[in-house]
């Protein structure tokens, strides 16, 4: 399931920022970035996400990404 609000529900300043990111990176903006910008109340969780996924760990970043993908699949979550 994909929330259409992530594609069209942003306010004008956020739309401009997303367009800038797309233009500069020449990549599609990741859905997690769109979600954080759409749901401003999720922004404080970003530090926790970054620590869990990119901080010091016995697991490699690839291992953590694979585990996150597996858990998302088990939970029928697109992320």
PDB file of N, CA and C in Angstrom:
ATOM      1  N   UNK A   1       0.837  -1.171   0.000  1.00  0.00           N
ATOM      2  CA  UNK A   1       0.000   0.000   0.000  1.00  0.00           C
ATOM      3  C   UNK A   1       0.887   1.240   0.000  1.00  0.00           C
ATOM      4  N   UNK A   2       0.554   2.181  -0.829  1.00  0.00           N
ATOM      5  CA  UNK A   2       1.314   3.424  -0.917  1.00  0.00           C
ATOM      6  C   UNK A   2       0.369   4.583  -0.646  1.00  0.00           C
ATOM      7  N   UNK A   3       0.767   5.457   0.247  1.00  0.00           N
ATOM      8  CA  UNK A   3      -0.060   6.610   0.566  1.00  0.00           C
ATOM      9  C   UNK A   3       0.111   7.679  -0.504  1.00  0.00           C
ATOM     10  N   UNK A   4      -0.977   8.033  -1.141  1.00  0.00           N
ATOM     11  CA  UNK A   4      -0.922   9.055  -2.188  1.00  0.00           C
ATOM     12  C   UNK A   4      -0.499  10.401  -1.604  1.00  0.00           C
ATOM     13  N   UNK A   5      -0.759  10.610  -0.323  1.00  0.00           N
ATOM     14  CA  UNK A   5      -0.375  11.875   0.318  1.00  0.00           C
ATOM     15  C   UNK A   5       1.130  12.099   0.258  1.00  0.00           C
ATOM     16  N   UNK A   6       1.908  11.025   0.207  1.00  0.00           N
ATOM     17  CA  UNK A   6       3.360  11.191   0.120  1.00  0.00           C
ATOM     18  C   UNK A   6       3.778  11.766  -1.224  1.00  0.00           C
ATOM     19  N   UNK A   7       2.952  11.609  -2.243  1.00  0.00           N
ATOM     20  CA  UNK A   7       3.263  12.150  -3.565  1.00  0.00           C
ATOM     21  C   UNK A   7       2.632  13.514  -3.806  1.00  0.00           C
ATOM     22  N   UNK A   8       1.465  13.754  -3.213  1.00  0.00           N
ATOM     23  CA  UNK A   8       0.764  14.986  -3.564  1.00  0.00           C
ATOM     24  C   UNK A   8       0.260  15.785  -2.369  1.00  0.00           C
ATOM     25  N   UNK A   9       0.499  15.330  -1.150  1.00  0.00           N
ATOM     26  CA  UNK A   9      -0.068  16.001   0.010  1.00  0.00           C
ATOM     27  C   UNK A   9       0.819  17.021   0.685  1.00  0.00           C
ATOM     28  N   UNK A  10       1.981  17.285   0.113  1.00  0.00           N
ATOM     29  CA  UNK A  10       2.909  18.227   0.732  1.00  0.00           C
ATOM     30  C   UNK A  10       2.533  19.666   0.396  1.00  0.00           C
ATOM     31  N   UNK A  11       2.920  20.573   1.295  1.00  0.00           N
ATOM     32  CA  UNK A  11       2.721  21.995   1.050  1.00  0.00           C
ATOM     33  C   UNK A  11       3.792  22.488   0.079  1.00  0.00           C
ATOM     34  N   UNK A  12       3.565  23.655  -0.492  1.00  0.00           N
ATOM     35  CA  UNK A  12       4.427  24.190  -1.543  1.00  0.00           C
ATOM     36  C   UNK A  12       5.916  24.231  -1.172  1.00  0.00           C
ATOM     37  N   UNK A  13       6.305  24.709   0.019  1.00  0.00           N
ATOM     38  CA  UNK A  13       7.745  24.729   0.338  1.00  0.00           C
ATOM     39  C   UNK A  13       8.364  23.320   0.346  1.00  0.00           C
ATOM     40  N   UNK A  14       7.612  22.348   0.834  1.00  0.00           N
ATOM     41  CA  UNK A  14       8.117  20.972   0.864  1.00  0.00           C
ATOM     42  C   UNK A  14       8.197  20.407  -0.541  1.00  0.00           C
ATOM     43  N   UNK A  15       7.204  20.713  -1.370  1.00  0.00           N
ATOM     44  CA  UNK A  15       7.242  20.268  -2.770  1.00  0.00           C
ATOM     45  C   UNK A  15       8.481  20.824  -3.470  1.00  0.00           C
ATOM     46  N   UNK A  16       8.795  22.093  -3.191  1.00  0.00           N
ATOM     47  CA  UNK A  16       9.979  22.709  -3.800  1.00  0.00           C
ATOM     48  C   UNK A  16      11.252  22.013  -3.319  1.00  0.00           C
ATOM     49  N   UNK A  17      11.317  21.687  -2.034  1.00  0.00           N
ATOM     50  CA  UNK A  17      12.477  20.985  -1.490  1.00  0.00           C
ATOM     51  C   UNK A  17      12.623  19.606  -2.128  1.00  0.00           C
ATOM     52  N   UNK A  18      11.525  18.879  -2.267  1.00  0.00           N
ATOM     53  CA  UNK A  18      11.574  17.548  -2.884  1.00  0.00           C
ATOM     54  C   UNK A  18      12.012  17.636  -4.348  1.00  0.00           C
ATOM     55  N   UNK A  19      11.531  18.653  -5.054  1.00  0.00           N
ATOM     56  CA  UNK A  19      11.944  18.848  -6.452  1.00  0.00           C
ATOM     57  C   UNK A  19      13.435  19.160  -6.527  1.00  0.00           C
ATOM     58  N   UNK A  20      13.924  19.975  -5.596  1.00  0.00           N
ATOM     59  CA  UNK A  20      15.352  20.299  -5.550  1.00  0.00           C
ATOM     60  C   UNK A  20      16.178  19.040  -5.293  1.00  0.00           C
ATOM     61  N   UNK A  21      15.759  18.235  -4.334  1.00  0.00           N
ATOM     62  CA  UNK A  21      16.476  16.985  -4.029  1.00  0.00           C
ATOM     63  C   UNK A  21      16.511  16.076  -5.252  1.00  0.00           C
ATOM     64  N   UNK A  22      15.364  15.929  -5.925  1.00  0.00           N
ATOM     65  CA  UNK A  22      15.295  15.104  -7.143  1.00  0.00           C
ATOM     66  C   UNK A  22      16.229  15.627  -8.223  1.00  0.00           C
ATOM     67  N   UNK A  23      16.242  16.936  -8.406  1.00  0.00           N
ATOM     68  CA  UNK A  23      17.062  17.543  -9.451  1.00  0.00           C
ATOM     69  C   UNK A  23      18.550  17.369  -9.160  1.00  0.00           C
ATOM     70  N   UNK A  24      18.942  17.662  -7.941  1.00  0.00           N
ATOM     71  CA  UNK A  24      20.358  17.600  -7.585  1.00  0.00           C
ATOM     72  C   UNK A  24      20.873  16.164  -7.543  1.00  0.00           C
ATOM     73  N   UNK A  25      20.080  15.275  -6.968  1.00  0.00           N
ATOM     74  CA  UNK A  25      20.543  13.889  -6.811  1.00  0.00           C
ATOM     75  C   UNK A  25      20.300  13.037  -8.057  1.00  0.00           C
ATOM     76  N   UNK A  26      19.395  13.501  -8.909  1.00  0.00           N
ATOM     77  CA  UNK A  26      18.985  12.724 -10.089  1.00  0.00           C
ATOM     78  C   UNK A  26      18.465  11.347  -9.685  1.00  0.00           C
ATOM     79  N   UNK A  27      17.862  11.303  -8.518  1.00  0.00           N
ATOM     80  CA  UNK A  27      17.300  10.075  -7.966  1.00  0.00           C
ATOM     81  C   UNK A  27      15.894  10.381  -7.450  1.00  0.00           C
ATOM     82  N   UNK A  28      15.094   9.339  -7.334  1.00  0.00           N
ATOM     83  CA  UNK A  28      13.787   9.474  -6.709  1.00  0.00           C
ATOM     84  C   UNK A  28      14.009   9.708  -5.218  1.00  0.00           C
ATOM     85  N   UNK A  29      13.239  10.611  -4.625  1.00  0.00           N
ATOM     86  CA  UNK A  29      13.364  10.886  -3.192  1.00  0.00           C
ATOM     87  C   UNK A  29      12.830   9.668  -2.438  1.00  0.00           C
ATOM     88  N   UNK A  30      13.607   9.124  -1.507  1.00  0.00           N
ATOM     89  CA  UNK A  30      13.148   7.944  -0.768  1.00  0.00           C
ATOM     90  C   UNK A  30      11.840   8.220  -0.017  1.00  0.00           C
ATOM     91  N   UNK A  31      10.992   7.206   0.050  1.00  0.00           N
ATOM     92  CA  UNK A  31       9.704   7.354   0.721  1.00  0.00           C
ATOM     93  C   UNK A  31       9.856   7.728   2.186  1.00  0.00           C
ATOM     94  N   UNK A  32      10.901   7.247   2.818  1.00  0.00           N
ATOM     95  CA  UNK A  32      11.081   7.584   4.236  1.00  0.00           C
ATOM     96  C   UNK A  32      11.317   9.086   4.401  1.00  0.00           C
ATOM     97  N   UNK A  33      12.000   9.709   3.466  1.00  0.00           N
ATOM     98  CA  UNK A  33      12.209  11.165   3.518  1.00  0.00           C
ATOM     99  C   UNK A  33      10.878  11.877   3.312  1.00  0.00           C
ATOM    100  N   UNK A  34      10.091  11.413   2.352  1.00  0.00           N
ATOM    101  CA  UNK A  34       8.779  12.017   2.116  1.00  0.00           C
ATOM    102  C   UNK A  34       7.890  11.880   3.352  1.00  0.00           C
ATOM    103  N   UNK A  35       7.968  10.725   4.016  1.00  0.00           N
ATOM    104  CA  UNK A  35       7.161  10.504   5.217  1.00  0.00           C
ATOM    105  C   UNK A  35       7.587  11.451   6.326  1.00  0.00           C
ATOM    106  N   UNK A  36       8.898  11.589   6.539  1.00  0.00           N
ATOM    107  CA  UNK A  36       9.379  12.490   7.588  1.00  0.00           C
ATOM    108  C   UNK A  36       8.991  13.938   7.312  1.00  0.00           C
ATOM    109  N   UNK A  37       8.977  14.332   6.046  1.00  0.00           N
ATOM    110  CA  UNK A  37       8.590  15.699   5.709  1.00  0.00           C
ATOM    111  C   UNK A  37       7.073  15.892   5.782  1.00  0.00           C
ATOM    112  N   UNK A  38       6.316  14.834   5.480  1.00  0.00           N
ATOM    113  CA  UNK A  38       4.854  14.921   5.524  1.00  0.00           C
ATOM    114  C   UNK A  38       4.349  14.905   6.960  1.00  0.00           C
ATOM    115  N   UNK A  39       4.959  14.056   7.769  1.00  0.00           N
ATOM    116  CA  UNK A  39       4.562  13.924   9.181  1.00  0.00           C
ATOM    117  C   UNK A  39       5.646  14.543  10.044  1.00  0.00           C
ATOM    118  N   UNK A  40       5.576  15.836  10.243  1.00  0.00           N
ATOM    119  CA  UNK A  40       6.593  16.554  10.999  1.00  0.00           C
ATOM    120  C   UNK A  40       6.754  16.005  12.422  1.00  0.00           C
ATOM    121  N   UNK A  41       5.697  15.387  12.948  1.00  0.00           N
ATOM    122  CA  UNK A  41       5.800  14.828  14.300  1.00  0.00           C
ATOM    123  C   UNK A  41       6.708  13.594  14.349  1.00  0.00           C
ATOM    124  N   UNK A  42       7.076  13.048  13.177  1.00  0.00           N
ATOM    125  CA  UNK A  42       8.006  11.915  13.132  1.00  0.00           C
ATOM    126  C   UNK A  42       9.465  12.368  13.164  1.00  0.00           C
ATOM    127  N   UNK A  43       9.736  13.650  12.924  1.00  0.00           N
ATOM    128  CA  UNK A  43      11.109  14.133  12.826  1.00  0.00           C
ATOM    129  C   UNK A  43      11.978  13.812  14.047  1.00  0.00           C
ATOM    130  N   UNK A  44      11.465  13.915  15.277  1.00  0.00           N
ATOM    131  CA  UNK A  44      12.321  13.548  16.412  1.00  0.00           C
ATOM    132  C   UNK A  44      12.785  12.084  16.361  1.00  0.00           C
ATOM    133  N   UNK A  45      12.048  11.227  15.693  1.00  0.00           N
ATOM    134  CA  UNK A  45      12.435   9.818  15.585  1.00  0.00           C
ATOM    135  C   UNK A  45      13.583   9.621  14.604  1.00  0.00           C
ATOM    136  N   UNK A  46      13.854  10.606  13.765  1.00  0.00           N
ATOM    137  CA  UNK A  46      14.906  10.461  12.765  1.00  0.00           C
ATOM    138  C   UNK A  46      16.258  10.141  13.396  1.00  0.00           C
ATOM    139  N   UNK A  47      16.572  10.773  14.523  1.00  0.00           N
ATOM    140  CA  UNK A  47      17.840  10.483  15.197  1.00  0.00           C
ATOM    141  C   UNK A  47      17.907   9.022  15.633  1.00  0.00           C
ATOM    142  N   UNK A  48      16.794   8.515  16.146  1.00  0.00           N
ATOM    143  CA  UNK A  48      16.754   7.104  16.556  1.00  0.00           C
ATOM    144  C   UNK A  48      16.916   6.197  15.344  1.00  0.00           C
ATOM    145  N   UNK A  49      16.269   6.535  14.226  1.00  0.00           N
ATOM    146  CA  UNK A  49      16.406   5.732  13.004  1.00  0.00           C
ATOM    147  C   UNK A  49      17.855   5.715  12.531  1.00  0.00           C
ATOM    148  N   UNK A  50      18.476   6.886  12.509  1.00  0.00           N
ATOM    149  CA  UNK A  50      19.852   6.975  12.035  1.00  0.00           C
ATOM    150  C   UNK A  50      20.808   6.200  12.939  1.00  0.00           C
ATOM    151  N   UNK A  51      20.591   6.286  14.244  1.00  0.00           N
ATOM    152  CA  UNK A  51      21.437   5.544  15.173  1.00  0.00           C
ATOM    153  C   UNK A  51      21.274   4.041  14.977  1.00  0.00           C
ATOM    154  N   UNK A  52      20.034   3.606  14.849  1.00  0.00           N
ATOM    155  CA  UNK A  52      19.778   2.171  14.685  1.00  0.00           C
ATOM    156  C   UNK A  52      20.331   1.640  13.367  1.00  0.00           C
ATOM    157  N   UNK A  53      20.191   2.411  12.311  1.00  0.00           N
ATOM    158  CA  UNK A  53      20.567   1.907  10.985  1.00  0.00           C
ATOM    159  C   UNK A  53      22.005   2.241  10.582  1.00  0.00           C
ATOM    160  N   UNK A  54      22.577   3.295  11.150  1.00  0.00           N
ATOM    161  CA  UNK A  54      23.907   3.715  10.704  1.00  0.00           C
ATOM    162  C   UNK A  54      24.933   3.849  11.829  1.00  0.00           C
ATOM    163  N   UNK A  55      24.481   3.743  13.075  1.00  0.00           N
ATOM    164  CA  UNK A  55      25.381   3.909  14.209  1.00  0.00           C
ATOM    165  C   UNK A  55      26.272   2.695  14.425  1.00  0.00           C
ATOM    166  N   UNK A  56      27.140   2.763  15.431  1.00  0.00           N
ATOM    167  CA  UNK A  56      28.032   1.650  15.736  1.00  0.00           C
ATOM    168  C   UNK A  56      27.246   0.375  16.046  1.00  0.00           C
ATOM    169  N   UNK A  57      27.711  -0.737  15.502  1.00  0.00           N
ATOM    170  CA  UNK A  57      27.022  -2.007  15.706  1.00  0.00           C
ATOM    171  C   UNK A  57      27.921  -3.157  15.275  1.00  0.00           C
ATOM    172  N   UNK A  58      27.665  -4.328  15.841  1.00  0.00           N
ATOM    173  CA  UNK A  58      28.358  -5.537  15.386  1.00  0.00           C
ATOM    174  C   UNK A  58      27.830  -5.955  14.015  1.00  0.00           C
ATOM    175  N   UNK A  59      26.634  -5.483  13.661  1.00  0.00           N
ATOM    176  CA  UNK A  59      26.034  -5.787  12.362  1.00  0.00           C
ATOM    177  C   UNK A  59      26.477  -4.752  11.337  1.00  0.00           C
ATOM    178  N   UNK A  60      26.671  -5.196  10.105  1.00  0.00           N
ATOM    179  CA  UNK A  60      26.973  -4.248   9.037  1.00  0.00           C
ATOM    180  C   UNK A  60      25.703  -3.489   8.674  1.00  0.00           C
ATOM    181  N   UNK A  61      25.871  -2.376   7.958  1.00  0.00           N
ATOM    182  CA  UNK A  61      24.707  -1.619   7.490  1.00  0.00           C
ATOM    183  C   UNK A  61      23.834  -2.503   6.596  1.00  0.00           C
ATOM    184  N   UNK A  62      24.479  -3.300   5.755  1.00  0.00           N
ATOM    185  CA  UNK A  62      23.722  -4.197   4.868  1.00  0.00           C
ATOM    186  C   UNK A  62      22.904  -5.206   5.679  1.00  0.00           C
ATOM    187  N   UNK A  63      23.499  -5.750   6.749  1.00  0.00           N
ATOM    188  CA  UNK A  63      22.767  -6.693   7.603  1.00  0.00           C
ATOM    189  C   UNK A  63      21.540  -6.023   8.217  1.00  0.00           C
ATOM    190  N   UNK A  64      21.713  -4.791   8.681  1.00  0.00           N
ATOM    191  CA  UNK A  64      20.597  -4.071   9.302  1.00  0.00           C
ATOM    192  C   UNK A  64      19.511  -3.758   8.285  1.00  0.00           C
ATOM    193  N   UNK A  65      19.908  -3.357   7.087  1.00  0.00           N
ATOM    194  CA  UNK A  65      18.928  -3.076   6.028  1.00  0.00           C
ATOM    195  C   UNK A  65      18.168  -4.342   5.649  1.00  0.00           C
ATOM    196  N   UNK A  66      18.884  -5.459   5.551  1.00  0.00           N
ATOM    197  CA  UNK A  66      18.242  -6.729   5.216  1.00  0.00           C
ATOM    198  C   UNK A  66      17.248  -7.131   6.301  1.00  0.00           C
ATOM    199  N   UNK A  67      17.629  -6.994   7.560  1.00  0.00           N
ATOM    200  CA  UNK A  67      16.715  -7.317   8.657  1.00  0.00           C
ATOM    201  C   UNK A  67      15.495  -6.401   8.628  1.00  0.00           C
ATOM    202  N   UNK A  68      15.693  -5.118   8.383  1.00  0.00           N
ATOM    203  CA  UNK A  68      14.566  -4.181   8.307  1.00  0.00           C
ATOM    204  C   UNK A  68      13.635  -4.557   7.156  1.00  0.00           C
ATOM    205  N   UNK A  69      14.203  -4.935   6.016  1.00  0.00           N
ATOM    206  CA  UNK A  69      13.381  -5.346   4.873  1.00  0.00           C
ATOM    207  C   UNK A  69      12.602  -6.613   5.198  1.00  0.00           C
ATOM    208  N   UNK A  70      13.253  -7.563   5.870  1.00  0.00           N
ATOM    209  CA  UNK A  70      12.580  -8.809   6.243  1.00  0.00           C
ATOM    210  C   UNK A  70      11.427  -8.532   7.200  1.00  0.00           C
ATOM    211  N   UNK A  71      11.661  -7.722   8.214  1.00  0.00           N
ATOM    212  CA  UNK A  71      10.613  -7.404   9.181  1.00  0.00           C
ATOM    213  C   UNK A  71       9.456  -6.682   8.495  1.00  0.00           C
ATOM    214  N   UNK A  72       9.779  -5.773   7.582  1.00  0.00           N
ATOM    215  CA  UNK A  72       8.728  -5.079   6.834  1.00  0.00           C
ATOM    216  C   UNK A  72       7.907  -6.053   6.006  1.00  0.00           C
ATOM    217  N   UNK A  73       8.567  -6.997   5.382  1.00  0.00           N
ATOM    218  CA  UNK A  73       7.868  -8.000   4.572  1.00  0.00           C
ATOM    219  C   UNK A  73       6.948  -8.851   5.453  1.00  0.00           C
ATOM    220  N   UNK A  74       7.456  -9.307   6.585  1.00  0.00           N
ATOM    221  CA  UNK A  74       6.644 -10.115   7.507  1.00  0.00           C
ATOM    222  C   UNK A  74       5.421  -9.335   7.977  1.00  0.00           C
ATOM    223  N   UNK A  75       5.594  -8.026   8.188  1.00  0.00           N
ATOM    224  CA  UNK A  75       4.499  -7.175   8.654  1.00  0.00           C
ATOM    225  C   UNK A  75       3.663  -6.595   7.508  1.00  0.00           C
ATOM    226  N   UNK A  76       3.912  -7.043   6.277  1.00  0.00           N
ATOM    227  CA  UNK A  76       3.203  -6.530   5.098  1.00  0.00           C
ATOM    228  C   UNK A  76       3.307  -5.012   4.975  1.00  0.00           C
ATOM    229  N   UNK A  77       4.487  -4.499   5.280  1.00  0.00           N
ATOM    230  CA  UNK A  77       4.748  -3.063   5.218  1.00  0.00           C
ATOM    231  C   UNK A  77       5.677  -2.795   4.035  1.00  0.00           C
ATOM    232  N   UNK A  78       5.346  -1.792   3.238  1.00  0.00           N
ATOM    233  CA  UNK A  78       6.152  -1.479   2.061  1.00  0.00           C
ATOM    234  C   UNK A  78       7.548  -1.022   2.418  1.00  0.00           C
ATOM    235  N   UNK A  79       7.745  -0.432   3.598  1.00  0.00           N
ATOM    236  CA  UNK A  79       9.063  -0.002   4.009  1.00  0.00           C
ATOM    237  C   UNK A  79       9.832  -1.170   4.564  1.00  0.00           C
TER     238      UNK A  79
END
